[in-house]
């Protein structure tokens, strides 16, 4: 999840804040009331902090020496998202729950062979995935029974 949040942040420009008073930063004057954006995308794609920033999970592993993307994903300083820990935990629980009961894979062509999917995102103030096809199947009969017990079967299995 951390690499996904770094690679394609949901709010690339962060959430705008208003300067509470006149300020200066690196020689630039920022008048009171000015909108200030913390450019999360730029921070999370800094090649000094994240070598090869456009590449997703180099070598398939998180590098423990690379800065945690949480420094920019949830905002900054006093205005950092107060729900960031809840969000992190909810994303972890949701992702682990889904991956524990479903096999999720690429779409299949008419011969049943996998079709390569190229990830695409919308651009703008918020960034979301462009709809794409995939296959989602219960991992086993036990997993399917668990899904049906949670009443999610109507949503996912049909």
Foldseek 3Di string as FASTA:
>chain_A
DQLVCLQANFQQQADWDFACAWDDDPRRTRHGGDIDTDRLNCVSQPCVQPPPSNDGCVVVDDDPVHDGSLCRRQHHDPPGDPCPVVVVVVVVVVVVLQVVFKDKAADADPVRHHDDDDWDWDDDRGIDTDDHDIDIDTPDVVSVVVCVVVVCCVVPVD
